[in-house]
Amino acid sequence: MTDEDQDWLDALGGRPATGPNGAAINEAQRLREFIRRNVHAPGVAVPEQDARREAQLLERARHEGLIDPLRLAKRRRRRLTAIGGVAALAASVAGVTLALFLHGRPQTEHVRGTREHVVRIVAADPTALKMQILDELRAAGVRATGYDQLGVEGIDADLPEPVPPRVRDVLTRHHLSVPSNGVLRIEIAAPSKP
């Protein structure tokens, strides 16, 4: 459809047509006015919607080559494909969000021991918990190192004296007490299988 056609249709539909096609706009406005005068003439009844008349007009437009059914079908398929793609994307985002929400934090079961001042933790995913605690300690300003020794994940950290509130918050969040000597040693293992 050309800009002139669009301007003509806008003017005929009563929408503001501001394009450079003054002749087309003027013609459409005159046609609109003529239709309005005749439709509202006394004794002329025109229903607001006439399905039969619409079908006749569509058939005539197809017959005269103004509407190409194949192009309309392709447009409809593209629109449905796009809608399906958006729906699939939304479902994927929802699924990933739900998975992260449900499985984002590893389930932990804390088991403490006092041998050599090492805190022992049993966790479903020891590596993930180790990385999480390391990240949180480092974000709080603690120099912490992680290690893996014979299937046991570990963390060693020297805590500042006095222990800042941000570091205490990290320890509290993981149910850990502040070590008396300032040396934090954690071992994280997977639950033993029965």
N, C-alpha and C. Protein backbone atom coordinates (compact mmCIF):
# COMPACT_ATOMS: atom_id res chain seq x y z
N MET A 1 0.86 -1.16 0.00
CA MET A 1 0.00 0.00 0.00
C MET A 1 0.91 1.23 0.00
N THR A 2 0.57 2.19 -0.83
CA THR A 2 1.39 3.41 -0.92
C THR A 2 0.98 4.40 0.15
N ASP A 3 1.82 5.42 0.35
CA ASP A 3 1.49 6.47 1.31
C ASP A 3 0.22 7.20 0.88
N GLU A 4 0.04 7.36 -0.42
CA GLU A 4 -1.16 8.04 -0.91
C GLU A 4 -2.40 7.23 -0.56
N ASP A 5 -2.33 5.90 -0.73
CA ASP A 5 -3.46 5.04 -0.36
C ASP A 5 -3.76 5.14 1.13
N GLN A 6 -2.69 5.14 1.94
CA GLN A 6 -2.88 5.22 3.39
C GLN A 6 -3.53 6.55 3.78
N ASP A 7 -3.06 7.64 3.18
CA ASP A 7 -3.66 8.95 3.46
C ASP A 7 -5.13 8.96 3.06
N TRP A 8 -5.43 8.35 1.91
CA TRP A 8 -6.82 8.30 1.43
C TRP A 8 -7.68 7.51 2.41
N LEU A 9 -7.18 6.35 2.86
CA LEU A 9 -7.95 5.53 3.80
C LEU A 9 -8.12 6.23 5.15
N ASP A 10 -7.07 6.91 5.61
CA ASP A 10 -7.17 7.64 6.88
C ASP A 10 -8.24 8.72 6.79
N ALA A 11 -8.23 9.47 5.70
CA ALA A 11 -9.21 10.55 5.54
C ALA A 11 -10.62 9.97 5.42
N LEU A 12 -10.77 8.88 4.69
CA LEU A 12 -12.09 8.26 4.54
C LEU A 12 -12.58 7.73 5.88
N GLY A 13 -11.68 7.22 6.70
CA GLY A 13 -12.06 6.70 8.01
C GLY A 13 -12.26 7.77 9.06
N GLY A 14 -11.99 9.03 8.72
CA GLY A 14 -12.18 10.11 9.67
C GLY A 14 -10.97 10.33 10.57
N ARG A 15 -9.87 9.67 10.25
CA ARG A 15 -8.65 9.87 11.01
C ARG A 15 -7.86 11.02 10.40
N PRO A 16 -7.06 11.70 11.20
CA PRO A 16 -6.29 12.81 10.64
C PRO A 16 -5.26 12.31 9.63
N ALA A 17 -5.32 12.78 8.44
CA ALA A 17 -4.38 12.42 7.38
C ALA A 17 -3.50 13.64 7.12
N THR A 18 -2.24 13.52 7.47
CA THR A 18 -1.36 14.68 7.40
C THR A 18 -0.28 14.51 6.34
N GLY A 19 -0.43 13.54 5.46
CA GLY A 19 0.58 13.31 4.44
C GLY A 19 0.57 14.39 3.37
N PRO A 20 1.50 14.30 2.42
CA PRO A 20 1.63 15.32 1.37
C PRO A 20 0.66 15.10 0.21
N ASN A 21 -0.22 14.14 0.32
CA ASN A 21 -1.12 13.78 -0.79
C ASN A 21 -2.45 14.51 -0.66
N GLY A 22 -2.41 15.81 -0.85
CA GLY A 22 -3.59 16.65 -0.66
C GLY A 22 -4.77 16.26 -1.53
N ALA A 23 -4.51 15.88 -2.79
CA ALA A 23 -5.61 15.53 -3.70
C ALA A 23 -6.33 14.27 -3.21
N ALA A 24 -5.57 13.27 -2.80
CA ALA A 24 -6.17 12.02 -2.32
C ALA A 24 -6.94 12.26 -1.04
N ILE A 25 -6.38 13.07 -0.14
CA ILE A 25 -7.05 13.37 1.12
C ILE A 25 -8.35 14.11 0.86
N ASN A 26 -8.29 15.09 -0.03
CA ASN A 26 -9.48 15.88 -0.36
C ASN A 26 -10.57 14.99 -0.97
N GLU A 27 -10.17 14.10 -1.88
CA GLU A 27 -11.14 13.20 -2.52
C GLU A 27 -11.80 12.30 -1.47
N ALA A 28 -11.01 11.75 -0.55
CA ALA A 28 -11.55 10.86 0.48
C ALA A 28 -12.47 11.62 1.42
N GLN A 29 -12.13 12.84 1.76
CA GLN A 29 -13.00 13.64 2.64
C GLN A 29 -14.33 13.95 1.96
N ARG A 30 -14.29 14.25 0.66
CA ARG A 30 -15.56 14.50 -0.06
C ARG A 30 -16.40 13.24 -0.12
N LEU A 31 -15.76 12.10 -0.38
CA LEU A 31 -16.50 10.83 -0.41
C LEU A 31 -17.09 10.51 0.96
N ARG A 32 -16.34 10.77 2.01
CA ARG A 32 -16.83 10.53 3.36
C ARG A 32 -18.06 11.38 3.64
N GLU A 33 -17.98 12.63 3.27
CA GLU A 33 -19.11 13.54 3.50
C GLU A 33 -20.34 13.09 2.69
N PHE A 34 -20.12 12.66 1.44
CA PHE A 34 -21.22 12.18 0.61
C PHE A 34 -21.88 10.96 1.25
N ILE A 35 -21.07 10.05 1.73
CA ILE A 35 -21.61 8.84 2.38
C ILE A 35 -22.39 9.21 3.63
N ARG A 36 -21.85 10.11 4.42
CA ARG A 36 -22.54 10.52 5.66
C ARG A 36 -23.89 11.17 5.35
N ARG A 37 -23.94 11.98 4.31
CA ARG A 37 -25.21 12.64 3.96
C ARG A 37 -26.24 11.61 3.52
N ASN A 38 -25.82 10.64 2.71
CA ASN A 38 -26.75 9.66 2.19
C ASN A 38 -27.13 8.58 3.19
N VAL A 39 -26.23 8.22 4.06
CA VAL A 39 -26.55 7.20 5.06
C VAL A 39 -27.57 7.75 6.05
N HIS A 40 -27.42 8.99 6.40
CA HIS A 40 -28.31 9.60 7.38
C HIS A 40 -29.51 10.28 6.74
N ALA A 41 -29.74 9.97 5.47
CA ALA A 41 -30.91 10.55 4.80
C ALA A 41 -32.17 9.90 5.37
N PRO A 42 -33.27 10.65 5.43
CA PRO A 42 -34.51 10.08 5.97
C PRO A 42 -34.96 8.86 5.15
N GLY A 43 -35.37 7.83 5.85
CA GLY A 43 -35.89 6.64 5.19
C GLY A 43 -34.82 5.63 4.80
N VAL A 44 -33.54 5.90 5.04
CA VAL A 44 -32.47 4.96 4.70
C VAL A 44 -32.00 4.32 5.99
N ALA A 45 -32.21 3.01 6.11
CA ALA A 45 -31.78 2.29 7.30
C ALA A 45 -30.54 1.47 6.97
N VAL A 46 -29.49 1.72 7.70
CA VAL A 46 -28.24 1.00 7.47
C VAL A 46 -27.83 0.37 8.80
N PRO A 47 -27.73 -0.95 8.85
CA PRO A 47 -27.32 -1.58 10.10
C PRO A 47 -25.85 -1.28 10.39
N GLU A 48 -25.50 -1.28 11.67
CA GLU A 48 -24.11 -1.02 12.05
C GLU A 48 -23.19 -2.11 11.54
N GLN A 49 -23.65 -3.36 11.62
CA GLN A 49 -22.85 -4.48 11.12
C GLN A 49 -23.74 -5.33 10.23
N ASP A 50 -23.22 -5.65 9.06
CA ASP A 50 -23.97 -6.48 8.11
C ASP A 50 -22.99 -7.53 7.60
N ALA A 51 -23.04 -8.72 8.20
CA ALA A 51 -22.08 -9.78 7.88
C ALA A 51 -22.19 -10.20 6.42
N ARG A 52 -23.41 -10.25 5.90
CA ARG A 52 -23.59 -10.66 4.51
C ARG A 52 -22.95 -9.66 3.56
N ARG A 53 -23.16 -8.38 3.83
CA ARG A 53 -22.58 -7.33 2.99
C ARG A 53 -21.04 -7.34 3.08
N GLU A 54 -20.51 -7.57 4.28
CA GLU A 54 -19.06 -7.64 4.45
C GLU A 54 -18.50 -8.80 3.64
N ALA A 55 -19.16 -9.95 3.68
CA ALA A 55 -18.71 -11.11 2.92
C ALA A 55 -18.73 -10.82 1.42
N GLN A 56 -19.79 -10.12 0.95
CA GLN A 56 -19.88 -9.77 -0.46
C GLN A 56 -18.73 -8.83 -0.87
N LEU A 57 -18.46 -7.85 -0.02
CA LEU A 57 -17.39 -6.90 -0.33
C LEU A 57 -16.02 -7.60 -0.34
N LEU A 58 -15.80 -8.49 0.61
CA LEU A 58 -14.53 -9.23 0.63
C LEU A 58 -14.38 -10.11 -0.61
N GLU A 59 -15.45 -10.78 -0.99
CA GLU A 59 -15.41 -11.64 -2.18
C GLU A 59 -15.15 -10.80 -3.43
N ARG A 60 -15.78 -9.67 -3.53
CA ARG A 60 -15.57 -8.78 -4.69
C ARG A 60 -14.11 -8.29 -4.72
N ALA A 61 -13.57 -7.95 -3.55
CA ALA A 61 -12.18 -7.49 -3.49
C ALA A 61 -11.22 -8.61 -3.90
N ARG A 62 -11.51 -9.84 -3.49
CA ARG A 62 -10.68 -10.97 -3.92
C ARG A 62 -10.77 -11.17 -5.43
N HIS A 63 -12.00 -11.11 -5.94
CA HIS A 63 -12.24 -11.33 -7.36
C HIS A 63 -11.51 -10.29 -8.20
N GLU A 64 -11.45 -9.06 -7.72
CA GLU A 64 -10.80 -7.99 -8.49
C GLU A 64 -9.31 -7.90 -8.20
N GLY A 65 -8.79 -8.82 -7.37
CA GLY A 65 -7.36 -8.86 -7.12
C GLY A 65 -6.87 -7.86 -6.09
N LEU A 66 -7.79 -7.29 -5.34
CA LEU A 66 -7.38 -6.33 -4.31
C LEU A 66 -6.89 -7.02 -3.05
N ILE A 67 -7.39 -8.24 -2.82
CA ILE A 67 -6.97 -9.03 -1.66
C ILE A 67 -6.43 -10.34 -2.17
N ASP A 68 -5.22 -10.67 -1.74
CA ASP A 68 -4.60 -11.94 -2.11
C ASP A 68 -4.73 -12.90 -0.93
N PRO A 69 -5.59 -13.92 -1.04
CA PRO A 69 -5.80 -14.85 0.09
C PRO A 69 -4.51 -15.53 0.56
N LEU A 70 -3.58 -15.81 -0.37
CA LEU A 70 -2.33 -16.46 0.02
C LEU A 70 -1.49 -15.53 0.90
N ARG A 71 -1.44 -14.25 0.55
CA ARG A 71 -0.68 -13.30 1.36
C ARG A 71 -1.33 -13.13 2.72
N LEU A 72 -2.66 -13.11 2.76
CA LEU A 72 -3.34 -13.00 4.05
C LEU A 72 -3.05 -14.22 4.93
N ALA A 73 -3.06 -15.41 4.32
CA ALA A 73 -2.78 -16.63 5.09
C ALA A 73 -1.35 -16.62 5.61
N LYS A 74 -0.39 -16.15 4.76
CA LYS A 74 1.01 -16.07 5.20
C LYS A 74 1.14 -15.09 6.36
N ARG A 75 0.47 -13.94 6.28
CA ARG A 75 0.52 -12.95 7.36
C ARG A 75 -0.03 -13.54 8.65
N ARG A 76 -1.17 -14.26 8.52
CA ARG A 76 -1.79 -14.86 9.69
C ARG A 76 -0.87 -15.90 10.31
N ARG A 77 -0.22 -16.72 9.45
CA ARG A 77 0.72 -17.73 9.97
C ARG A 77 1.91 -17.07 10.66
N ARG A 78 2.44 -16.00 10.06
CA ARG A 78 3.57 -15.29 10.69
C ARG A 78 3.16 -14.75 12.05
N ARG A 79 1.96 -14.19 12.12
CA ARG A 79 1.48 -13.63 13.38
C ARG A 79 1.33 -14.74 14.41
N LEU A 80 0.75 -15.88 14.01
CA LEU A 80 0.58 -17.00 14.94
C LEU A 80 1.93 -17.57 15.35
N THR A 81 2.88 -17.64 14.42
CA THR A 81 4.22 -18.12 14.74
C THR A 81 4.89 -17.20 15.74
N ALA A 82 4.75 -15.89 15.52
CA ALA A 82 5.35 -14.91 16.44
C ALA A 82 4.72 -15.03 17.82
N ILE A 83 3.40 -15.19 17.87
CA ILE A 83 2.72 -15.33 19.16
C ILE A 83 3.17 -16.61 19.84
N GLY A 84 3.30 -17.69 19.06
CA GLY A 84 3.78 -18.95 19.62
C GLY A 84 5.20 -18.83 20.14
N GLY A 85 6.05 -18.10 19.42
CA GLY A 85 7.43 -17.88 19.86
C GLY A 85 7.48 -17.10 21.16
N VAL A 86 6.66 -16.06 21.25
CA VAL A 86 6.62 -15.25 22.47
C VAL A 86 6.11 -16.11 23.64
N ALA A 87 5.11 -16.92 23.38
CA ALA A 87 4.57 -17.79 24.44
C ALA A 87 5.63 -18.81 24.88
N ALA A 88 6.36 -19.37 23.93
CA ALA A 88 7.41 -20.34 24.28
C ALA A 88 8.52 -19.66 25.09
N LEU A 89 8.88 -18.44 24.69
CA LEU A 89 9.90 -17.71 25.43
C LEU A 89 9.43 -17.40 26.85
N ALA A 90 8.18 -16.98 26.98
CA ALA A 90 7.64 -16.68 28.32
C ALA A 90 7.61 -17.94 29.18
N ALA A 91 7.23 -19.07 28.59
CA ALA A 91 7.21 -20.32 29.35
C ALA A 91 8.63 -20.72 29.77
N SER A 92 9.61 -20.52 28.89
CA SER A 92 11.00 -20.84 29.23
C SER A 92 11.50 -19.97 30.37
N VAL A 93 11.23 -18.67 30.28
CA VAL A 93 11.67 -17.75 31.34
C VAL A 93 11.01 -18.13 32.66
N ALA A 94 9.72 -18.46 32.61
CA ALA A 94 9.02 -18.85 33.83
C ALA A 94 9.61 -20.14 34.40
N GLY A 95 9.94 -21.09 33.54
CA GLY A 95 10.52 -22.34 34.01
C GLY A 95 11.89 -22.14 34.64
N VAL A 96 12.73 -21.34 34.00
CA VAL A 96 14.06 -21.08 34.55
C VAL A 96 13.95 -20.33 35.88
N THR A 97 13.06 -19.33 35.92
CA THR A 97 12.87 -18.57 37.15
C THR A 97 12.40 -19.48 38.28
N LEU A 98 11.45 -20.35 37.97
CA LEU A 98 10.94 -21.27 38.98
C LEU A 98 12.03 -22.23 39.44
N ALA A 99 12.82 -22.74 38.50
CA ALA A 99 13.91 -23.66 38.87
C ALA A 99 14.92 -22.96 39.77
N LEU A 100 15.27 -21.72 39.42
CA LEU A 100 16.23 -20.98 40.25
C LEU A 100 15.63 -20.69 41.62
N PHE A 101 14.37 -20.36 41.65
CA PHE A 101 13.72 -20.06 42.92
C PHE A 101 13.66 -21.29 43.81
N LEU A 102 13.29 -22.43 43.22
CA LEU A 102 13.14 -23.65 44.02
C LEU A 102 14.47 -24.30 44.38
N HIS A 103 15.45 -24.18 43.49
CA HIS A 103 16.71 -24.88 43.70
C HIS A 103 17.89 -23.93 43.82
N GLY A 104 17.64 -22.66 44.01
CA GLY A 104 18.70 -21.66 44.04
C GLY A 104 19.65 -21.82 45.21
N ARG A 105 19.15 -22.14 46.36
CA ARG A 105 20.00 -22.31 47.54
C ARG A 105 20.10 -23.79 47.86
N PRO A 106 21.31 -24.27 48.04
CA PRO A 106 21.43 -25.68 48.39
C PRO A 106 20.86 -25.94 49.78
N GLN A 107 20.17 -27.06 49.89
CA GLN A 107 19.64 -27.43 51.20
C GLN A 107 20.80 -27.85 52.07
N THR A 108 20.82 -27.36 53.27
CA THR A 108 21.94 -27.68 54.15
C THR A 108 21.44 -28.30 55.44
N GLU A 109 22.29 -29.12 55.98
CA GLU A 109 22.06 -29.68 57.29
C GLU A 109 23.39 -29.49 58.02
N HIS A 110 23.37 -28.75 59.08
CA HIS A 110 24.60 -28.41 59.78
C HIS A 110 24.91 -29.45 60.85
N VAL A 111 26.14 -29.91 60.83
CA VAL A 111 26.64 -30.81 61.85
C VAL A 111 27.95 -30.21 62.32
N ARG A 112 28.05 -29.87 63.59
CA ARG A 112 29.24 -29.19 64.08
C ARG A 112 30.14 -30.16 64.85
N GLY A 113 31.43 -29.91 64.73
CA GLY A 113 32.41 -30.67 65.50
C GLY A 113 33.43 -29.70 66.07
N THR A 114 34.07 -30.09 67.11
CA THR A 114 35.01 -29.17 67.74
C THR A 114 36.45 -29.58 67.50
N ARG A 115 36.69 -30.72 66.87
CA ARG A 115 38.06 -31.17 66.64
C ARG A 115 38.80 -30.14 65.81
N GLU A 116 39.86 -29.58 66.36
CA GLU A 116 40.71 -28.60 65.70
C GLU A 116 39.95 -27.36 65.28
N HIS A 117 38.88 -27.05 65.94
CA HIS A 117 38.06 -25.86 65.65
C HIS A 117 37.57 -25.81 64.19
N VAL A 118 37.22 -26.97 63.65
CA VAL A 118 36.70 -27.06 62.29
C VAL A 118 35.19 -27.22 62.36
N VAL A 119 34.48 -26.40 61.63
CA VAL A 119 33.03 -26.53 61.55
C VAL A 119 32.74 -27.45 60.37
N ARG A 120 31.97 -28.50 60.64
CA ARG A 120 31.62 -29.44 59.58
C ARG A 120 30.16 -29.25 59.21
N ILE A 121 29.91 -29.19 57.91
CA ILE A 121 28.56 -28.98 57.39
C ILE A 121 28.28 -30.09 56.39
N VAL A 122 27.07 -30.63 56.46
CA VAL A 122 26.62 -31.59 55.46
C VAL A 122 25.62 -30.85 54.57
N ALA A 123 25.87 -30.90 53.25
CA ALA A 123 25.01 -30.17 52.31
C ALA A 123 24.75 -31.03 51.08
N ALA A 124 23.58 -30.83 50.48
CA ALA A 124 23.22 -31.57 49.27
C ALA A 124 24.18 -31.26 48.14
N ASP A 125 24.64 -30.02 48.04
CA ASP A 125 25.59 -29.62 47.00
C ASP A 125 26.75 -28.88 47.67
N PRO A 126 27.76 -29.61 48.13
CA PRO A 126 28.85 -28.99 48.88
C PRO A 126 29.58 -27.89 48.09
N THR A 127 29.81 -28.12 46.80
CA THR A 127 30.55 -27.13 45.99
C THR A 127 29.77 -25.83 45.90
N ALA A 128 28.47 -25.93 45.67
CA ALA A 128 27.64 -24.71 45.55
C ALA A 128 27.63 -23.95 46.87
N LEU A 129 27.50 -24.67 47.99
CA LEU A 129 27.48 -23.99 49.29
C LEU A 129 28.84 -23.35 49.57
N LYS A 130 29.93 -24.04 49.24
CA LYS A 130 31.26 -23.47 49.45
C LYS A 130 31.41 -22.17 48.66
N MET A 131 31.00 -22.20 47.39
CA MET A 131 31.13 -21.00 46.54
C MET A 131 30.26 -19.87 47.08
N GLN A 132 29.07 -20.20 47.55
CA GLN A 132 28.17 -19.18 48.09
C GLN A 132 28.78 -18.52 49.33
N ILE A 133 29.29 -19.33 50.26
CA ILE A 133 29.89 -18.77 51.48
C ILE A 133 31.14 -17.96 51.14
N LEU A 134 31.98 -18.49 50.23
CA LEU A 134 33.17 -17.75 49.81
C LEU A 134 32.80 -16.39 49.21
N ASP A 135 31.82 -16.39 48.32
CA ASP A 135 31.39 -15.13 47.70
C ASP A 135 30.90 -14.14 48.75
N GLU A 136 30.11 -14.62 49.69
CA GLU A 136 29.55 -13.73 50.71
C GLU A 136 30.65 -13.21 51.65
N LEU A 137 31.59 -14.07 52.02
CA LEU A 137 32.69 -13.61 52.87
C LEU A 137 33.55 -12.58 52.14
N ARG A 138 33.87 -12.86 50.89
CA ARG A 138 34.69 -11.92 50.12
C ARG A 138 33.97 -10.59 49.93
N ALA A 139 32.65 -10.66 49.69
CA ALA A 139 31.87 -9.42 49.54
C ALA A 139 31.87 -8.61 50.84
N ALA A 140 32.02 -9.30 51.98
CA ALA A 140 32.06 -8.62 53.27
C ALA A 140 33.48 -8.15 53.62
N GLY A 141 34.46 -8.41 52.74
CA GLY A 141 35.80 -7.92 52.95
C GLY A 141 36.76 -8.91 53.59
N VAL A 142 36.41 -10.18 53.63
CA VAL A 142 37.27 -11.19 54.25
C VAL A 142 38.07 -11.88 53.16
N ARG A 143 39.37 -12.11 53.45
CA ARG A 143 40.20 -12.90 52.53
C ARG A 143 39.96 -14.36 52.86
N ALA A 144 39.24 -15.04 52.01
CA ALA A 144 38.90 -16.45 52.25
C ALA A 144 39.36 -17.28 51.07
N THR A 145 39.83 -18.48 51.35
CA THR A 145 40.25 -19.38 50.29
C THR A 145 39.45 -20.67 50.39
N GLY A 146 39.18 -21.24 49.24
CA GLY A 146 38.44 -22.49 49.19
C GLY A 146 39.35 -23.60 48.71
N TYR A 147 39.02 -24.83 49.08
CA TYR A 147 39.81 -25.97 48.65
C TYR A 147 38.91 -27.19 48.56
N ASP A 148 39.43 -28.22 47.89
CA ASP A 148 38.74 -29.50 47.77
C ASP A 148 39.77 -30.57 48.14
N GLN A 149 39.44 -31.35 49.17
CA GLN A 149 40.40 -32.35 49.65
C GLN A 149 39.68 -33.66 49.91
N LEU A 150 39.96 -34.64 49.09
CA LEU A 150 39.36 -35.98 49.22
C LEU A 150 37.83 -35.94 49.26
N GLY A 151 37.25 -35.18 48.35
CA GLY A 151 35.80 -35.11 48.25
C GLY A 151 35.12 -34.22 49.28
N VAL A 152 35.92 -33.52 50.08
CA VAL A 152 35.36 -32.60 51.07
C VAL A 152 35.74 -31.19 50.64
N GLU A 153 34.73 -30.34 50.50
CA GLU A 153 34.97 -28.95 50.15
C GLU A 153 35.33 -28.19 51.42
N GLY A 154 36.26 -27.25 51.33
CA GLY A 154 36.66 -26.54 52.53
C GLY A 154 36.86 -25.05 52.31
N ILE A 155 36.81 -24.32 53.41
CA ILE A 155 37.04 -22.88 53.41
C ILE A 155 37.94 -22.55 54.59
N ASP A 156 38.98 -21.76 54.33
CA ASP A 156 39.83 -21.21 55.39
C ASP A 156 39.78 -19.70 55.26
N ALA A 157 39.62 -19.03 56.42
CA ALA A 157 39.59 -17.57 56.39
C ALA A 157 40.09 -17.02 57.72
N ASP A 158 40.86 -15.96 57.64
CA ASP A 158 41.26 -15.23 58.84
C ASP A 158 40.32 -14.04 58.97
N LEU A 159 39.57 -14.00 60.05
CA LEU A 159 38.59 -12.94 60.24
C LEU A 159 39.26 -11.72 60.90
N PRO A 160 38.83 -10.52 60.51
CA PRO A 160 39.40 -9.32 61.13
C PRO A 160 38.97 -9.21 62.59
N GLU A 161 39.81 -8.58 63.39
CA GLU A 161 39.49 -8.34 64.81
C GLU A 161 39.22 -6.87 65.00
N PRO A 162 38.17 -6.43 65.56
CA PRO A 162 36.97 -7.18 65.89
C PRO A 162 36.21 -7.54 64.60
N VAL A 163 35.36 -8.53 64.70
CA VAL A 163 34.62 -9.01 63.53
C VAL A 163 33.54 -7.98 63.17
N PRO A 164 33.60 -7.44 61.94
CA PRO A 164 32.61 -6.43 61.53
C PRO A 164 31.20 -7.01 61.42
N PRO A 165 30.17 -6.14 61.53
CA PRO A 165 28.79 -6.62 61.44
C PRO A 165 28.48 -7.34 60.13
N ARG A 166 29.07 -6.89 59.02
CA ARG A 166 28.80 -7.55 57.72
C ARG A 166 29.27 -9.00 57.74
N VAL A 167 30.41 -9.24 58.38
CA VAL A 167 30.94 -10.61 58.46
C VAL A 167 30.09 -11.43 59.42
N ARG A 168 29.68 -10.82 60.54
CA ARG A 168 28.80 -11.53 61.48
C ARG A 168 27.49 -11.93 60.79
N ASP A 169 26.97 -11.04 59.92
CA ASP A 169 25.73 -11.35 59.20
C ASP A 169 25.90 -12.59 58.32
N VAL A 170 27.06 -12.69 57.64
CA VAL A 170 27.31 -13.86 56.79
C VAL A 170 27.34 -15.12 57.64
N LEU A 171 28.07 -15.06 58.75
CA LEU A 171 28.16 -16.24 59.62
C LEU A 171 26.80 -16.62 60.18
N THR A 172 26.02 -15.63 60.61
CA THR A 172 24.69 -15.90 61.17
C THR A 172 23.78 -16.52 60.12
N ARG A 173 23.86 -16.01 58.90
CA ARG A 173 23.01 -16.52 57.81
C ARG A 173 23.26 -18.01 57.58
N HIS A 174 24.48 -18.47 57.83
CA HIS A 174 24.82 -19.88 57.61
C HIS A 174 24.93 -20.66 58.93
N HIS A 175 24.38 -20.06 59.99
CA HIS A 175 24.34 -20.71 61.31
C HIS A 175 25.74 -21.06 61.81
N LEU A 176 26.68 -20.16 61.60
CA LEU A 176 28.06 -20.36 62.05
C LEU A 176 28.35 -19.37 63.17
N SER A 177 29.08 -19.80 64.16
CA SER A 177 29.45 -18.89 65.24
C SER A 177 30.81 -18.28 64.94
N VAL A 178 31.07 -17.15 65.55
CA VAL A 178 32.35 -16.46 65.36
C VAL A 178 33.41 -17.26 66.11
N PRO A 179 34.47 -17.70 65.42
CA PRO A 179 35.50 -18.48 66.09
C PRO A 179 36.26 -17.62 67.11
N SER A 180 36.63 -18.23 68.23
CA SER A 180 37.29 -17.49 69.30
C SER A 180 38.69 -17.04 68.92
N ASN A 181 39.36 -17.81 68.05
CA ASN A 181 40.73 -17.46 67.67
C ASN A 181 40.81 -16.64 66.38
N GLY A 182 39.64 -16.32 65.77
CA GLY A 182 39.62 -15.51 64.55
C GLY A 182 39.91 -16.28 63.29
N VAL A 183 40.11 -17.60 63.39
CA VAL A 183 40.38 -18.43 62.21
C VAL A 183 39.13 -19.26 61.93
N LEU A 184 38.55 -19.03 60.75
CA LEU A 184 37.34 -19.76 60.35
C LEU A 184 37.77 -20.92 59.46
N ARG A 185 37.42 -22.14 59.89
CA ARG A 185 37.71 -23.33 59.10
C ARG A 185 36.40 -24.10 58.95
N ILE A 186 36.02 -24.32 57.70
CA ILE A 186 34.76 -25.03 57.40
C ILE A 186 35.07 -26.18 56.48
N GLU A 187 34.45 -27.32 56.73
CA GLU A 187 34.48 -28.47 55.83
C GLU A 187 33.05 -28.80 55.47
N ILE A 188 32.80 -28.97 54.17
CA ILE A 188 31.45 -29.23 53.69
C ILE A 188 31.48 -30.56 52.93
N ALA A 189 30.63 -31.49 53.34
CA ALA A 189 30.59 -32.80 52.69
C ALA A 189 29.16 -33.11 52.28
N ALA A 190 29.04 -34.01 51.32
CA ALA A 190 27.71 -34.48 50.89
C ALA A 190 27.18 -35.46 51.93
N PRO A 191 25.87 -35.61 52.04
CA PRO A 191 25.32 -36.56 53.00
C PRO A 191 25.77 -37.98 52.65
N SER A 192 26.02 -38.76 53.69
CA SER A 192 26.42 -40.14 53.45
C SER A 192 25.22 -40.92 52.94
N LYS A 193 25.52 -41.82 52.02
CA LYS A 193 24.43 -42.62 51.41
C LYS A 193 24.19 -43.85 52.26
N PRO A 194 22.91 -44.19 52.49
CA PRO A 194 22.60 -45.35 53.33
C PRO A 194 22.98 -46.66 52.68
